[in-house]
Amino acid sequence: MMIAILVVYFGLMLFIGYLASRRVKDSRDYFLGGRGFGPWFTAFKFAATWESGVKLVGSPGMAWNAGWSSLAMGIGTPLCYFFSFRVFGQRLKLAFDHFNVLTLPQMLEKRYDSRAVRVISAVAILIGLGGSLVAQFKATGEIFSAILGTDYPAGLLIGSVIVGIYCIMGGYLASVWTDFIQGIIMVFGSVAIFAATAHAAFGGLSPDLLSQLNAALGSIDPNLLDITGGGKMSWSNLFIILAITMLVGIAMPQQSVAIFSMRDVRTARVAMIVCVVFSAILAWSLALTGMMSHMVLDPADVKNPDLVIPLLIPRVLSPLLGGIYLAAVLAAIMSTVSGSIVVAASSLTEDIFKLAIPERYNRSPMFYNRVGSTIFVLLPLLLAVKPPAIIFWIGVFAFGFLVFTFLMPMAGVILIPSATRQAVIIQMISTMIIIPVWTIWLQKATGIPALLIGLIGAPLIFFIVNAVCRKSEPAPEIHALWDKFRQL
């Protein structure tokens, strides 16, 4: 039954990719889906890309291990959606449409009147997303092999080929359509395992479920009731997580593309609400599932918190619902991977190929677009078979690398009219060096996380350089953009 459900799911994803390929006519369709998505597609694209497969497997395990503090670690996600859509998103959408571009590096080039900014941005995306794709493909192979009962190379090949085919065929349009379906599956699967675990632990859902849960957790380990998990999560780490998640929409290229591709600025308001509801359903259902699993599973069997979900599925779910939850796990992984593939491919083709071989690219843009997507499927796939050490480290620092490389340049687009190209270039290059160096060699020695260094260092470098650089009068195009901002 489970295998049959997964086969149907894989077939549906490929069929959606085929349908999308028939709608794609040019680069705007391939990389932005035509820039006409409404709030529901925008919200599910943004949220499904952010809520990776790690959440559907790791969150219940984290809740088993840390109790209520696991929910505290996710408190920044609703704020992420609020800032991404309500605070930053409307201005980002206006700026992207104002400059009439296809990629984030092109928008930065127009804002700062600098080809160097565009190239540096593209290189940063290729390094950051390229490395993280290897890590995502590796996770895909591990989870696919565990779910399908195959060895790792076979699981890697199956997962990568399926997501690769629909991305290569339909580009961003296929990614959005599949993410919408995958998001629905994620919600249904999370609610199903929550309800089934509640039935196994307490006989079903009831108004006093939380009281019953707290009483049971307190008898097992009082630290499970503590907001810091008895010190397992420090207040400083909670602050760092909270601060960084608020910046995701403005600083993560694979997230900001969902904002660029929405129909208009009004779309952001409804999309924000949909994202918050989506996130709340996943966060609460998965965290409560993990905590209630203490009443269902034998602690001796849970040698690793990541085993909570694999042990729960056969214990509390029917084969039908078990197959749906496994499809939800795969959906979460594939939605994250597809978003990264398309954004990385857009930077390679629009910001590297188009600059290096403009005549050849302009003759057959769709050919090169699909070549770019193919490269970012095949290369990570080959490297993920046996990832070299450098790829492991890129996967580790990729998140901070992307967030803090793009944080201040993007802030300069929508918040800082006096931002200079010199400050942006120096800050981007500095961050691209500091984050990897600190992560690999200094983080363990100093005990200071690289994310904290980036959170402080990137703005500091930017404002120092910006203060000493000569300010020129913004171009009329920039004045026109800020006039639009004032009308929001």
Protein backbone atom coordinates (compact mmCIF):
# COMPACT_ATOMS: atom_id res chain seq x y z
CA MET A 1 0.00 0.00 0.00
CA MET A 2 2.75 2.47 0.99
CA ILE A 3 4.75 1.80 -2.17
CA ALA A 4 1.62 2.18 -4.31
CA ILE A 5 0.88 5.58 -2.75
CA LEU A 6 4.45 6.74 -3.37
CA VAL A 7 4.31 5.57 -7.00
CA VAL A 8 1.09 7.56 -7.51
CA TYR A 9 2.73 10.59 -5.87
CA PHE A 10 5.83 10.37 -8.08
CA GLY A 11 3.65 10.00 -11.17
CA LEU A 12 1.63 13.07 -10.19
CA MET A 13 4.79 15.17 -9.79
CA LEU A 14 6.07 14.14 -13.22
CA PHE A 15 2.67 14.81 -14.81
CA ILE A 16 2.62 18.31 -13.29
CA GLY A 17 6.11 18.90 -14.68
CA TYR A 18 4.88 17.89 -18.14
CA LEU A 19 1.86 20.22 -17.92
CA ALA A 20 4.10 23.09 -16.80
CA SER A 21 6.50 22.49 -19.70
CA ARG A 22 3.65 23.09 -22.15
CA ARG A 23 2.94 26.49 -20.55
CA VAL A 24 6.55 27.67 -20.53
CA LYS A 25 7.34 29.84 -23.56
CA ASP A 26 10.28 32.04 -22.52
CA SER A 27 12.77 32.79 -19.73
CA ARG A 28 10.22 34.82 -17.79
CA ASP A 29 7.93 31.79 -17.67
CA TYR A 30 10.77 29.38 -16.92
CA PHE A 31 12.35 31.32 -14.05
CA LEU A 32 9.38 33.29 -12.66
CA GLY A 33 6.30 31.41 -13.86
CA GLY A 34 5.11 34.52 -15.68
CA ARG A 35 5.02 36.62 -12.46
CA GLY A 36 1.29 36.12 -12.00
CA PHE A 37 0.86 33.89 -8.94
CA GLY A 38 -1.89 34.66 -6.45
CA PRO A 39 -1.67 34.43 -2.65
CA TRP A 40 -2.23 30.68 -2.28
CA PHE A 41 0.41 29.59 -4.78
CA THR A 42 2.81 32.26 -3.49
CA ALA A 43 2.30 31.22 0.12
CA PHE A 44 2.68 27.50 -0.49
CA LYS A 45 5.77 28.09 -2.63
CA PHE A 46 7.42 30.23 0.04
CA ALA A 47 6.44 28.04 2.99
CA ALA A 48 7.04 24.64 1.38
CA THR A 49 10.53 25.72 0.28
CA TRP A 50 11.33 26.89 3.83
CA GLU A 51 9.78 23.91 5.66
CA SER A 52 12.22 21.23 4.56
CA GLY A 53 11.92 17.47 4.99
CA VAL A 54 14.11 17.79 8.06
CA LYS A 55 11.11 19.32 9.82
CA LEU A 56 8.77 16.40 9.25
CA VAL A 57 11.38 13.94 10.53
CA GLY A 58 13.48 16.11 12.84
CA SER A 59 10.84 18.20 14.64
CA PRO A 60 9.13 15.27 16.39
CA GLY A 61 12.57 13.95 17.35
CA MET A 62 13.55 17.35 18.71
CA ALA A 63 10.30 17.51 20.68
CA TRP A 64 10.97 14.04 22.10
CA ASN A 65 14.37 15.21 23.25
CA ALA A 66 13.68 18.83 24.31
CA GLY A 67 9.93 19.02 25.02
CA TRP A 68 8.25 22.40 24.82
CA SER A 69 11.51 24.18 23.96
CA SER A 70 11.27 22.62 20.49
CA LEU A 71 8.28 24.90 19.84
CA ALA A 72 10.21 27.90 21.16
CA MET A 73 12.85 27.28 18.51
CA GLY A 74 10.18 27.61 15.83
CA ILE A 75 8.64 30.78 17.21
CA GLY A 76 10.56 32.85 14.68
CA THR A 77 8.86 31.22 11.69
CA PRO A 78 5.61 33.24 11.90
CA LEU A 79 7.77 36.36 12.30
CA CYS A 80 9.73 35.26 9.24
CA TYR A 81 6.51 35.25 7.22
CA PHE A 82 5.35 38.59 8.65
CA PHE A 83 8.62 40.35 7.83
CA SER A 84 9.02 38.55 4.49
CA PHE A 85 5.62 39.61 3.16
CA ARG A 86 4.36 42.57 5.17
CA VAL A 87 7.57 44.45 6.02
CA PHE A 88 9.97 43.55 3.18
CA GLY A 89 7.89 41.73 0.57
CA GLN A 90 5.79 44.55 -0.83
CA ARG A 91 8.83 46.77 -1.38
CA LEU A 92 10.83 43.89 -2.87
CA LYS A 93 8.03 43.16 -5.32
CA LEU A 94 7.78 46.84 -6.31
CA ALA A 95 11.55 47.07 -6.81
CA PHE A 96 11.74 43.88 -8.87
CA ASP A 97 8.92 44.99 -11.17
CA HIS A 98 10.27 48.55 -11.31
CA PHE A 99 13.64 47.38 -12.64
CA ASN A 100 11.92 44.81 -14.93
CA VAL A 101 14.47 42.04 -14.38
CA LEU A 102 14.45 38.24 -14.15
CA THR A 103 16.94 37.47 -11.37
CA LEU A 104 18.03 38.85 -8.02
CA PRO A 105 21.58 39.67 -9.28
CA GLN A 106 20.05 41.69 -12.14
CA MET A 107 17.99 43.70 -9.66
CA LEU A 108 21.09 44.45 -7.60
CA GLU A 109 22.96 45.50 -10.75
CA LYS A 110 20.20 47.99 -11.60
CA ARG A 111 19.99 49.31 -8.04
CA TYR A 112 23.72 49.92 -7.65
CA ASP A 113 24.55 50.53 -11.33
CA SER A 114 27.33 47.95 -11.09
CA ARG A 115 28.06 44.88 -13.22
CA ALA A 116 30.46 43.74 -10.49
CA VAL A 117 27.61 43.52 -7.98
CA ARG A 118 25.68 41.32 -10.39
CA VAL A 119 28.57 38.94 -10.97
CA ILE A 120 29.49 38.70 -7.28
CA SER A 121 25.84 38.01 -6.44
CA ALA A 122 25.62 35.28 -9.05
CA VAL A 123 28.82 33.63 -7.81
CA ALA A 124 27.54 33.73 -4.23
CA ILE A 125 24.30 32.04 -5.29
CA LEU A 126 26.16 29.37 -7.26
CA ILE A 127 28.44 28.58 -4.31
CA GLY A 128 25.79 28.74 -1.60
CA LEU A 129 22.95 26.98 -3.39
CA GLY A 130 25.28 24.59 -5.21
CA GLY A 131 26.77 23.37 -1.94
CA SER A 132 23.46 23.20 -0.16
CA LEU A 133 21.98 21.23 -3.08
CA VAL A 134 24.56 18.51 -2.54
CA ALA A 135 23.54 18.33 1.12
CA GLN A 136 19.85 18.31 0.13
CA PHE A 137 20.44 15.57 -2.44
CA LYS A 138 22.31 13.56 0.19
CA ALA A 139 19.36 13.91 2.57
CA THR A 140 17.04 12.96 -0.29
CA GLY A 141 19.02 9.78 -0.93
CA GLU A 142 19.11 8.82 2.74
CA ILE A 143 15.38 9.34 3.31
CA PHE A 144 14.32 7.80 0.00
CA SER A 145 16.48 4.73 0.68
CA ALA A 146 15.06 4.41 4.21
CA ILE A 147 11.46 4.77 3.03
CA LEU A 148 11.72 2.64 -0.11
CA GLY A 149 14.00 0.01 1.43
CA THR A 150 16.76 0.48 -1.16
CA ASP A 151 20.45 1.17 -0.78
CA TYR A 152 21.66 4.79 -0.65
CA PRO A 153 22.74 5.18 -4.32
CA ALA A 154 19.37 3.87 -5.55
CA GLY A 155 17.44 6.16 -3.19
CA LEU A 156 19.59 9.10 -4.29
CA LEU A 157 19.01 8.33 -7.96
CA ILE A 158 15.23 7.90 -7.64
CA GLY A 159 14.68 11.10 -5.65
CA SER A 160 17.06 13.23 -7.69
CA VAL A 161 15.82 12.06 -11.08
CA ILE A 162 12.15 12.70 -10.25
CA VAL A 163 12.65 16.22 -8.92
CA GLY A 164 15.20 16.90 -11.65
CA ILE A 165 12.88 15.90 -14.48
CA TYR A 166 10.00 18.14 -13.46
CA CYS A 167 12.33 21.08 -12.76
CA ILE A 168 14.12 20.74 -16.10
CA MET A 169 10.84 20.42 -17.99
CA GLY A 170 8.73 23.09 -16.30
CA GLY A 171 11.19 25.32 -14.45
CA TYR A 172 9.78 27.59 -11.75
CA LEU A 173 6.20 27.02 -12.90
CA ALA A 174 6.56 23.29 -12.23
CA SER A 175 8.22 24.06 -8.90
CA VAL A 176 5.29 26.25 -7.80
CA TRP A 177 2.59 23.85 -8.94
CA THR A 178 4.27 20.85 -7.31
CA ASP A 179 4.98 22.82 -4.13
CA PHE A 180 1.28 23.62 -3.84
CA ILE A 181 0.36 19.93 -3.98
CA GLN A 182 3.29 19.01 -1.74
CA GLY A 183 2.27 21.62 0.83
CA ILE A 184 -1.24 20.17 1.02
CA ILE A 185 0.23 16.69 1.50
CA MET A 186 2.53 18.01 4.24
CA VAL A 187 -0.39 19.54 6.16
CA PHE A 188 -2.56 16.45 5.82
CA GLY A 189 0.26 14.11 6.83
CA SER A 190 1.21 16.20 9.87
CA VAL A 191 -2.37 16.41 11.13
CA ALA A 192 -2.91 12.69 10.52
CA ILE A 193 0.08 11.56 12.58
CA PHE A 194 -0.80 14.06 15.34
CA ALA A 195 -4.36 12.75 15.62
CA ALA A 196 -3.24 9.12 15.47
CA THR A 197 -0.57 9.64 18.14
CA ALA A 198 -3.07 11.46 20.40
CA HIS A 199 -5.42 8.49 20.05
CA ALA A 200 -2.65 6.04 20.92
CA ALA A 201 -1.39 8.11 23.86
CA PHE A 202 -4.59 9.44 25.44
CA GLY A 203 -7.46 7.72 23.68
CA GLY A 204 -8.16 10.58 21.27
CA LEU A 205 -8.37 14.36 20.98
CA SER A 206 -9.97 16.12 23.94
CA PRO A 207 -10.16 19.67 25.39
CA ASP A 208 -7.77 18.73 28.20
CA LEU A 209 -5.17 17.17 25.89
CA LEU A 210 -2.47 19.70 26.83
CA SER A 211 -3.11 19.20 30.56
CA GLN A 212 -2.82 15.44 30.13
CA LEU A 213 0.37 15.88 28.10
CA ASN A 214 2.01 18.22 30.63
CA ALA A 215 1.19 15.89 33.51
CA ALA A 216 2.67 12.94 31.64
CA LEU A 217 5.80 14.85 30.57
CA GLY A 218 6.35 16.16 34.11
CA SER A 219 6.37 12.62 35.45
CA ILE A 220 8.93 11.56 32.84
CA ASP A 221 11.30 14.56 32.96
CA PRO A 222 10.42 18.04 34.31
CA ASN A 223 12.95 19.56 31.89
CA LEU A 224 10.58 18.69 29.05
CA LEU A 225 8.25 21.39 30.40
CA ASP A 226 10.97 24.06 30.51
CA ILE A 227 11.12 26.63 27.69
CA THR A 228 14.88 26.03 27.35
CA GLY A 229 14.61 22.26 27.70
CA GLY A 230 16.58 22.33 30.92
CA GLY A 231 19.41 24.27 29.28
CA LYS A 232 19.46 22.30 26.02
CA MET A 233 18.59 25.52 24.20
CA SER A 234 20.11 28.73 25.58
CA TRP A 235 18.37 32.10 25.45
CA SER A 236 21.23 33.44 23.30
CA ASN A 237 20.69 30.71 20.70
CA LEU A 238 16.96 31.39 20.74
CA PHE A 239 17.69 35.07 20.06
CA ILE A 240 20.02 34.25 17.16
CA ILE A 241 17.46 31.88 15.62
CA LEU A 242 14.71 34.47 16.04
CA ALA A 243 16.78 37.27 14.49
CA ILE A 244 17.93 35.25 11.51
CA THR A 245 14.56 33.72 10.64
CA MET A 246 13.12 37.23 10.38
CA LEU A 247 15.63 37.93 7.61
CA VAL A 248 14.94 34.89 5.44
CA GLY A 249 12.54 36.61 3.02
CA ILE A 250 14.89 39.45 2.25
CA ALA A 251 18.20 37.59 2.24
CA MET A 252 17.61 34.05 0.90
CA PRO A 253 17.50 34.02 -2.93
CA GLN A 254 15.45 30.81 -3.10
CA GLN A 255 12.84 32.41 -0.81
CA SER A 256 12.74 35.90 -2.30
CA VAL A 257 11.93 34.53 -5.76
CA ALA A 258 8.46 33.62 -4.43
CA ILE A 259 7.94 37.32 -3.68
CA PHE A 260 9.27 38.40 -7.07
CA SER A 261 6.89 36.05 -8.89
CA MET A 262 3.64 37.02 -7.15
CA ARG A 263 0.95 38.90 -9.06
CA ASP A 264 1.11 42.24 -7.20
CA VAL A 265 1.88 43.77 -3.81
CA ARG A 266 -1.63 43.06 -2.51
CA THR A 267 -0.92 39.36 -2.89
CA ALA A 268 1.60 39.61 -0.05
CA ARG A 269 -1.02 40.39 2.59
CA VAL A 270 -3.07 37.25 2.06
CA ALA A 271 0.02 35.11 1.40
CA MET A 272 1.40 36.11 4.80
CA ILE A 273 -1.73 34.83 6.57
CA VAL A 274 -1.71 31.56 4.63
CA CYS A 275 1.97 31.01 5.46
CA VAL A 276 1.43 31.65 9.18
CA VAL A 277 -1.48 29.19 9.32
CA PHE A 278 0.52 26.62 7.34
CA SER A 279 3.50 27.00 9.67
CA ALA A 280 1.38 26.86 12.82
CA ILE A 281 -0.31 23.62 11.74
CA LEU A 282 3.03 21.95 11.01
CA ALA A 283 4.83 23.29 14.08
CA TRP A 284 2.15 22.41 16.64
CA SER A 285 1.13 19.06 15.16
CA LEU A 286 4.71 17.82 14.79
CA ALA A 287 5.92 19.11 18.17
CA LEU A 288 2.94 17.66 20.02
CA THR A 289 3.39 14.39 18.14
CA GLY A 290 6.99 14.18 19.31
CA MET A 291 6.08 14.92 22.93
CA MET A 292 3.13 12.50 22.96
CA SER A 293 5.36 9.76 21.53
CA HIS A 294 6.81 9.39 25.05
CA MET A 295 3.48 7.74 25.93
CA VAL A 296 3.56 5.46 22.87
CA LEU A 297 7.16 4.37 22.30
CA ASP A 298 9.56 2.45 24.51
CA PRO A 299 12.50 4.77 25.34
CA ALA A 300 14.86 1.82 24.86
CA ASP A 301 13.87 1.70 21.19
CA VAL A 302 14.53 5.41 20.60
CA LYS A 303 18.32 5.25 20.44
CA ASN A 304 18.32 8.36 18.25
CA PRO A 305 15.60 11.08 18.28
CA ASP A 306 15.41 10.85 14.48
CA LEU A 307 13.95 7.36 14.94
CA VAL A 308 10.75 8.74 16.52
CA ILE A 309 8.86 9.10 13.22
CA PRO A 310 10.05 5.78 11.68
CA LEU A 311 8.98 4.01 14.88
CA LEU A 312 5.66 5.86 15.18
CA ILE A 313 4.42 5.31 11.63
CA PRO A 314 3.86 1.52 11.86
CA ARG A 315 2.68 1.88 15.47
CA VAL A 316 -0.08 4.49 15.03
CA LEU A 317 -0.87 4.81 11.30
CA SER A 318 -2.62 2.49 8.87
CA PRO A 319 -0.69 1.53 5.71
CA LEU A 320 -2.74 4.13 3.79
CA LEU A 321 -2.01 7.00 6.20
CA GLY A 322 1.56 5.78 6.66
CA GLY A 323 2.09 6.04 2.92
CA ILE A 324 0.62 9.55 2.90
CA TYR A 325 2.94 10.66 5.71
CA LEU A 326 5.97 9.22 3.93
CA ALA A 327 4.83 11.09 0.80
CA ALA A 328 4.64 14.23 2.97
CA VAL A 329 8.25 13.75 4.08
CA LEU A 330 9.39 13.31 0.48
CA ALA A 331 7.24 16.28 -0.58
CA ALA A 332 8.96 18.54 1.95
CA ILE A 333 12.39 17.52 0.70
CA MET A 334 11.51 17.83 -2.98
CA SER A 335 9.92 21.27 -2.54
CA THR A 336 13.13 22.61 -1.00
CA VAL A 337 15.33 21.00 -3.66
CA SER A 338 13.24 22.21 -6.60
CA GLY A 339 13.34 25.83 -5.43
CA SER A 340 17.13 25.73 -5.10
CA ILE A 341 17.62 24.12 -8.51
CA VAL A 342 15.62 26.76 -10.40
CA VAL A 343 17.19 29.76 -8.62
CA ALA A 344 20.73 28.41 -9.05
CA ALA A 345 20.04 27.70 -12.73
CA SER A 346 18.69 31.22 -13.26
CA SER A 347 21.91 32.75 -11.92
CA LEU A 348 24.06 30.44 -14.03
CA THR A 349 22.21 31.14 -17.28
CA GLU A 350 20.94 34.72 -16.92
CA ASP A 351 23.92 36.13 -15.00
CA ILE A 352 26.86 34.02 -16.24
CA PHE A 353 26.02 32.48 -19.63
CA LYS A 354 24.20 35.60 -20.83
CA LEU A 355 27.18 37.80 -19.95
CA ALA A 356 29.86 35.40 -21.21
CA ILE A 357 28.21 34.23 -24.46
CA PRO A 358 25.40 36.75 -25.13
CA GLU A 359 24.91 36.03 -28.83
CA ARG A 360 24.72 32.26 -28.41
CA TYR A 361 22.47 32.55 -25.36
CA ASN A 362 20.06 34.97 -27.03
CA ARG A 363 19.68 32.63 -30.03
CA SER A 364 18.42 29.75 -27.85
CA PRO A 365 17.63 31.01 -24.33
CA MET A 366 15.31 28.14 -23.40
CA PHE A 367 17.95 25.59 -24.41
CA TYR A 368 20.52 27.20 -22.12
CA ASN A 369 17.94 27.59 -19.33
CA ARG A 370 17.30 23.86 -19.35
CA VAL A 371 21.04 23.18 -19.61
CA GLY A 372 21.49 25.26 -16.45
CA SER A 373 18.83 23.26 -14.61
CA THR A 374 20.36 20.01 -15.84
CA ILE A 375 23.77 21.05 -14.51
CA PHE A 376 22.30 21.74 -11.07
CA VAL A 377 20.67 18.32 -11.06
CA LEU A 378 23.54 16.21 -12.38
CA LEU A 379 26.46 17.89 -10.60
CA PRO A 380 24.96 17.74 -7.07
CA LEU A 381 23.76 14.20 -7.82
CA LEU A 382 27.27 13.03 -8.72
CA LEU A 383 28.87 14.82 -5.77
CA ALA A 384 26.25 13.47 -3.36
CA VAL A 385 27.25 9.86 -4.13
CA LYS A 386 30.36 10.42 -2.03
CA PRO A 387 30.57 14.10 -1.05
CA PRO A 388 34.12 15.49 -0.74
CA ALA A 389 35.05 17.30 2.47
CA ILE A 390 34.74 20.78 0.95
CA ILE A 391 31.14 20.04 -0.08
CA PHE A 392 30.34 18.99 3.48
CA TRP A 393 31.61 22.33 4.77
CA ILE A 394 29.74 24.32 2.11
CA GLY A 395 26.56 22.55 3.16
CA VAL A 396 27.25 23.53 6.77
CA PHE A 397 27.91 27.23 6.14
CA ALA A 398 25.60 27.73 3.12
CA PHE A 399 22.69 29.16 5.12
CA GLY A 400 24.71 31.87 6.87
CA PHE A 401 26.76 32.42 3.71
CA LEU A 402 23.66 33.32 1.68
CA VAL A 403 21.77 35.22 4.39
CA PHE A 404 24.62 37.54 5.32
CA THR A 405 26.01 37.97 1.81
CA PHE A 406 22.66 39.32 0.60
CA LEU A 407 21.25 40.94 3.74
CA MET A 408 22.70 44.43 3.35
CA PRO A 409 22.58 44.64 -0.48
CA MET A 410 18.88 43.79 -0.31
CA ALA A 411 18.35 46.22 2.57
CA GLY A 412 19.92 48.86 0.36
CA VAL A 413 17.27 48.20 -2.28
CA ILE A 414 14.25 48.72 -0.03
CA LEU A 415 15.41 50.45 3.17
CA ILE A 416 18.65 52.44 2.65
CA PRO A 417 18.53 54.90 -0.27
CA SER A 418 22.06 56.12 0.52
CA ALA A 419 23.63 52.65 0.11
CA THR A 420 26.70 52.75 -2.16
CA ARG A 421 28.03 50.15 -4.54
CA GLN A 422 31.41 50.25 -2.78
CA ALA A 423 29.85 49.30 0.56
CA VAL A 424 27.85 46.52 -1.06
CA ILE A 425 30.83 45.04 -2.94
CA ILE A 426 33.18 45.11 0.06
CA GLN A 427 30.55 43.73 2.43
CA MET A 428 29.60 40.88 0.07
CA ILE A 429 33.19 39.81 -0.58
CA SER A 430 34.08 40.08 3.12
CA THR A 431 31.11 37.96 4.15
CA MET A 432 31.85 35.35 1.48
CA ILE A 433 35.28 34.96 3.09
CA ILE A 434 34.49 35.40 6.80
CA ILE A 435 31.55 32.98 7.11
CA PRO A 436 33.39 29.94 5.64
CA VAL A 437 36.65 30.70 7.48
CA TRP A 438 34.89 31.18 10.81
CA THR A 439 32.72 28.08 10.34
CA ILE A 440 35.60 25.76 9.44
CA TRP A 441 38.45 27.00 11.63
CA LEU A 442 37.31 29.45 14.32
CA GLN A 443 33.79 28.53 15.45
CA LYS A 444 34.83 25.51 17.51
CA ALA A 445 37.93 27.21 18.92
CA THR A 446 36.14 30.37 20.04
CA GLY A 447 32.72 28.95 20.88
CA ILE A 448 31.14 31.86 18.96
CA PRO A 449 28.72 30.69 16.26
CA ALA A 450 29.36 31.88 12.71
CA LEU A 451 25.74 33.02 12.48
CA LEU A 452 26.33 35.51 15.30
CA ILE A 453 29.49 36.77 13.58
CA GLY A 454 27.54 37.28 10.37
CA LEU A 455 24.62 38.93 12.15
CA ILE A 456 26.95 41.52 13.67
CA GLY A 457 29.73 41.66 11.09
CA ALA A 458 27.81 42.10 7.82
CA PRO A 459 25.90 45.25 8.88
CA LEU A 460 29.00 46.62 10.64
CA ILE A 461 31.21 46.30 7.55
CA PHE A 462 28.51 47.74 5.33
CA PHE A 463 27.82 50.83 7.45
CA ILE A 464 31.51 51.59 8.07
CA VAL A 465 32.36 51.45 4.35
CA ASN A 466 29.17 53.28 3.42
CA ALA A 467 30.01 56.08 5.87
CA VAL A 468 33.43 56.77 4.34
CA CYS A 469 32.39 56.48 0.68
CA ARG A 470 31.41 59.54 -1.30
CA LYS A 471 27.66 59.64 -1.81
CA SER A 472 26.43 60.46 -5.29
CA GLU A 473 22.97 61.68 -6.10
CA PRO A 474 20.70 58.65 -6.70
CA ALA A 475 19.68 58.15 -10.31
CA PRO A 476 16.19 59.27 -11.36
CA GLU A 477 15.20 55.59 -11.56
CA ILE A 478 15.97 55.20 -7.84
CA HIS A 479 13.99 58.34 -6.97
CA ALA A 480 11.05 56.94 -8.92
CA LEU A 481 11.27 53.68 -6.98
CA TRP A 482 11.18 55.46 -3.63
CA ASP A 483 8.19 57.47 -4.77
CA LYS A 484 6.42 54.13 -5.27
CA PHE A 485 7.50 52.98 -1.79
CA ARG A 486 5.92 56.07 -0.23
CA GLN A 487 2.59 55.18 -1.80
CA LEU A 488 2.36 51.84 0.02
